[in-house]
C-alpha cells in the first residue's frame, strides 16, 4: 500500500537555490535575516544578496566554479548562510562538516568530497589545518584572523560582479552533507538544488510561518535538519533566524526570552531539558508557539510534558539526510496531529512500509521498513554506486533503514532502526520504545538501550541510565518489567554519567555496543 498526503500536490518553485531562497529580500529591507543571538550582530535582508554575490566573486577570483567544492567547518553563525548561498551562486557544492569532527574525520570528508577550499574559525584550526595539509586544500578562509589563512572579510572585498552560473536544478548538486556515520565511514549525500527547494517548500505547507515569527537555529547547519528546515526555510519564508555558535541551556533560554522567539526546532535531549530542568522556570518562554522535534524518536509522555510546561504546541517530524530534510510532518491542531506520531507524508511525496525479510508491501498498523519517494530524494552517495543501488531501488524508492508503521489515518510512527533492533530469542525489541519508557521515570534523566550479547537468548536489552535522583538498579529493572511484555524486559542495566550522542541529538549506540561487546568478550 502506498501512502500519500490527503492534501493536493503543490507546484515546486522553479529555478536555482539562490534565486528561490532570496525571493523576498527586496521587499523585506532592513528586517534582520540572520542574527547572532549572543551578540545581536545581524545581516538584514537588504544586505544579504550583495554579501552573497561578493562571497561568490571572492571564490570566483580564485578560480572556483561550477562543480567545485567548498568545505564549511564552523558553528552556526550568520556568515554560514552567506557562504552557503555564495557557493551555490557559482554552481559550487557545499560540503558541510560536523563541528565535532576529529582531524581523521576531516581528512576523510575533505578527501572524499574533493574540497578545494575550506571556511572555518580560528578555534577549529588545530583540527582543520593538519587535515587541510593532508588533503591538498588550496586555501583556508577564517572568520577573524589566523596565521597563513585568508580572512573572511578579505574574501568579500570586491565588487560582487561574478556572473551567476547556469543551473539545472534537478541535476546540479549544491550540497553534500555527510551521513551521520554511526556505522562505518560517513558517506557524502549528493543533493541537488531541486532536492533542497522541494523539501523546504513542502515543509512550509504543513505549519506555515507568520510574518512576525522568529526562529532559533539551535541545531547545527551542517546537519540536514538545520540546513534545510532552519537556514534555508527561514530565508525562503522571510522570517528572522537567530543563531548561536554552541548550545548552552542557560544562553538558549536567555535568547528565547530576550528575542521573543516563536518557533523552535529541537531534538529529544533539548525537549527533555525543557520539560524537566528546574532552571527553565526562571525564564519567560511565553512567545514560543510551536516546537518541532525530529532526528530521533520522542515519547508521547515527554512530548505532552514539554508542551504543558512551556505552554505551546509540539509536533514531531521525520526525515533523513538522503531526503534533504523532512518526509513526514504533523500539522499542529489538525485531525492528523496524532501524539507520538511523526504525522503523514508530505505533499508531492509517497511512502510505504515493507516487510524487512520479504520486501512485501504492508498495510496500516503493520510494522516494517519505511520507504520514501519524492522530489527531495537524493541523487545518490558520492563515489559509492553500490551503496546508492542498495538504498534507492529501480522504482525510485529510498529505503530508509528505519522501522515504523502507518496507522489507520496514515500517520506514521517510527519505531527504530533496522540494524538497531534487539533480537531476544526470536522476538524483536525496539530500543527506542524502552528508552521512551525509561524517560518517564522521575529519577531518570537520560537513557539508551542496546543489544547485549547473551549465550542463551542471543541478545538481551541492556539499558544505560543517567540518574536524576535516588534509584537502585533492581528497582528500575522491576519497574520496567511491570510495564512491558516479557520479551521486552530490561535484563541488564548500568548507571552512567552521560549518554553519547551526535551533534544532532541521536544516540550513538554504536559506541555503547562496541564497549559492551568488548566487555562480554574480555
Foldseek 3Di string as FASTA:
>chain_A
DKFADPDAFDDQDDDFLLCLLLVCLVVQPQCFAEAALVPRDTDHSVRQVLLLLLLLVLVVVVVDAAAAEEEEAAFDDPVVLSNLSSCSQRNYEYAYDANPDALVLLLVCCQLSVHQEYEYAPVSCVSVVVSCVVRVRPAYEYDDDDPRHHHSVVSSPDRSPDHGDDDDQLPRFRYWYWFPCLDHRTFTFTFGRQLLSVVLVLVCVQAPDDQAAEEEQQFTCSFLASVRVANSNSSSNVYHYYYYRHDDPVSVLVSCQVVLHAEYEAEQLVLLCLLDPPCNVVGQNQSHAEYEYEPAFAALVSLVSNCVSNVHYYWYFYDGVQSSHTFAAHRPPDPQRDRRFRHAGTHQKMKFFAAAPPRHTDDAPDKHWMKIAGSNGTPATRPCVPVRCVQQDPVRIGGPQWMWGAHPVRTIHTQGGVVQWACFQNDTEGFSVLQNVLSVDPFFSGKTWGWAQDPPGRTAIEMETETNDDDDPVVSQVVVCVPDDPRHGHPHYHYDNDFDDGSRGHGSVSVVRVVRVVVVVD
